[in-house]
Amino acid sequence: MSQTTKAVADPAEARKRTGLLLFLRQVVEELRKVVWPSRRELLSYTGVVLVFVVVMMLFVSLLDYGIGKLILLVFGS
């Protein structure tokens, strides 16, 4: 019984590396497919992230302050 097609690729062929230039060409090709945000969208997203970070900083700071006061209340200073 002869095997005309391989069901599983040869492991040596699967590990074969491509050249650096081919890799870089493929990276550039994929980057051209990316839908980049406009300047207005970018500024908007940046603002949202900065506001969120400030809100989370305030939340964690207040939580830390409250837990610290509670520990001092329970155990004294």
Protein backbone atom coordinates (compact mmCIF):
# COMPACT_ATOMS: atom_id res chain seq x y z
CA MET A 1 0.00 0.00 0.00
CA SER A 2 1.66 3.23 -1.13
CA GLN A 3 1.03 6.56 0.54
CA THR A 4 0.41 9.31 -2.01
CA THR A 5 -0.34 12.15 0.44
CA LYS A 6 1.00 12.84 3.87
CA ALA A 7 -1.56 13.40 6.60
CA VAL A 8 1.00 15.00 8.91
CA ALA A 9 3.78 17.28 7.72
CA ASP A 10 7.34 16.19 8.29
CA PRO A 11 8.49 17.67 11.64
CA ALA A 12 11.74 18.88 10.08
CA GLU A 13 9.77 20.82 7.47
CA ALA A 14 7.42 22.25 10.09
CA ARG A 15 10.34 23.74 12.04
CA LYS A 16 11.95 25.25 8.96
CA ARG A 17 12.53 28.96 9.45
CA THR A 18 11.92 31.68 6.92
CA GLY A 19 14.43 34.41 6.20
CA LEU A 20 14.55 37.75 8.00
CA LEU A 21 13.65 39.72 4.87
CA LEU A 22 10.57 37.57 4.24
CA PHE A 23 9.51 38.05 7.85
CA LEU A 24 9.92 41.85 7.64
CA ARG A 25 7.99 41.97 4.36
CA GLN A 26 5.15 40.03 5.97
CA VAL A 27 5.14 42.38 8.97
CA VAL A 28 4.89 45.44 6.73
CA GLU A 29 2.15 43.73 4.71
CA GLU A 30 0.13 43.04 7.87
CA LEU A 31 0.64 46.59 9.15
CA ARG A 32 -0.87 47.95 5.94
CA LYS A 33 -4.07 46.01 6.73
CA VAL A 34 -4.44 47.71 10.13
CA VAL A 35 -7.17 50.32 10.42
CA TRP A 36 -5.42 53.15 12.25
CA PRO A 37 -7.49 55.61 14.32
CA SER A 38 -7.80 59.19 13.20
CA ARG A 39 -6.11 61.94 15.22
CA ARG A 40 -9.45 62.91 16.76
CA GLU A 41 -10.21 59.31 17.76
CA LEU A 42 -6.72 58.90 19.20
CA LEU A 43 -7.05 62.04 21.34
CA SER A 44 -10.49 60.91 22.49
CA TYR A 45 -9.27 57.43 23.47
CA THR A 46 -6.26 58.95 25.24
CA GLY A 47 -8.53 61.26 27.24
CA VAL A 48 -10.79 58.37 28.25
CA VAL A 49 -7.82 56.32 29.43
CA LEU A 50 -6.33 59.21 31.43
CA VAL A 51 -9.66 59.95 33.14
CA PHE A 52 -10.10 56.26 33.97
CA VAL A 53 -6.59 56.05 35.44
CA VAL A 54 -7.18 59.14 37.62
CA VAL A 55 -10.52 57.75 38.85
CA MET A 56 -8.92 54.39 39.70
CA MET A 57 -6.04 56.17 41.51
CA LEU A 58 -8.54 58.09 43.62
CA PHE A 59 -10.51 54.92 44.38
CA VAL A 60 -7.44 52.93 45.43
CA SER A 61 -6.07 55.86 47.45
CA LEU A 62 -9.36 56.28 49.35
CA LEU A 63 -9.58 52.52 49.91
CA ASP A 64 -6.00 52.49 51.24
CA TYR A 65 -6.70 55.47 53.51
CA GLY A 66 -9.90 53.89 54.85
CA ILE A 67 -8.29 50.51 55.53
CA GLY A 68 -5.36 52.25 57.24
CA LYS A 69 -7.71 54.21 59.51
CA LEU A 70 -9.68 51.03 60.27
CA ILE A 71 -6.49 49.15 61.21
CA LEU A 72 -5.45 51.99 63.51
CA LEU A 73 -8.90 52.02 65.08
CA VAL A 74 -8.83 48.25 65.72
CA PHE A 75 -5.22 47.87 66.86
CA GLY A 76 -4.41 51.39 68.03
CA SER A 77 -1.21 53.26 67.38
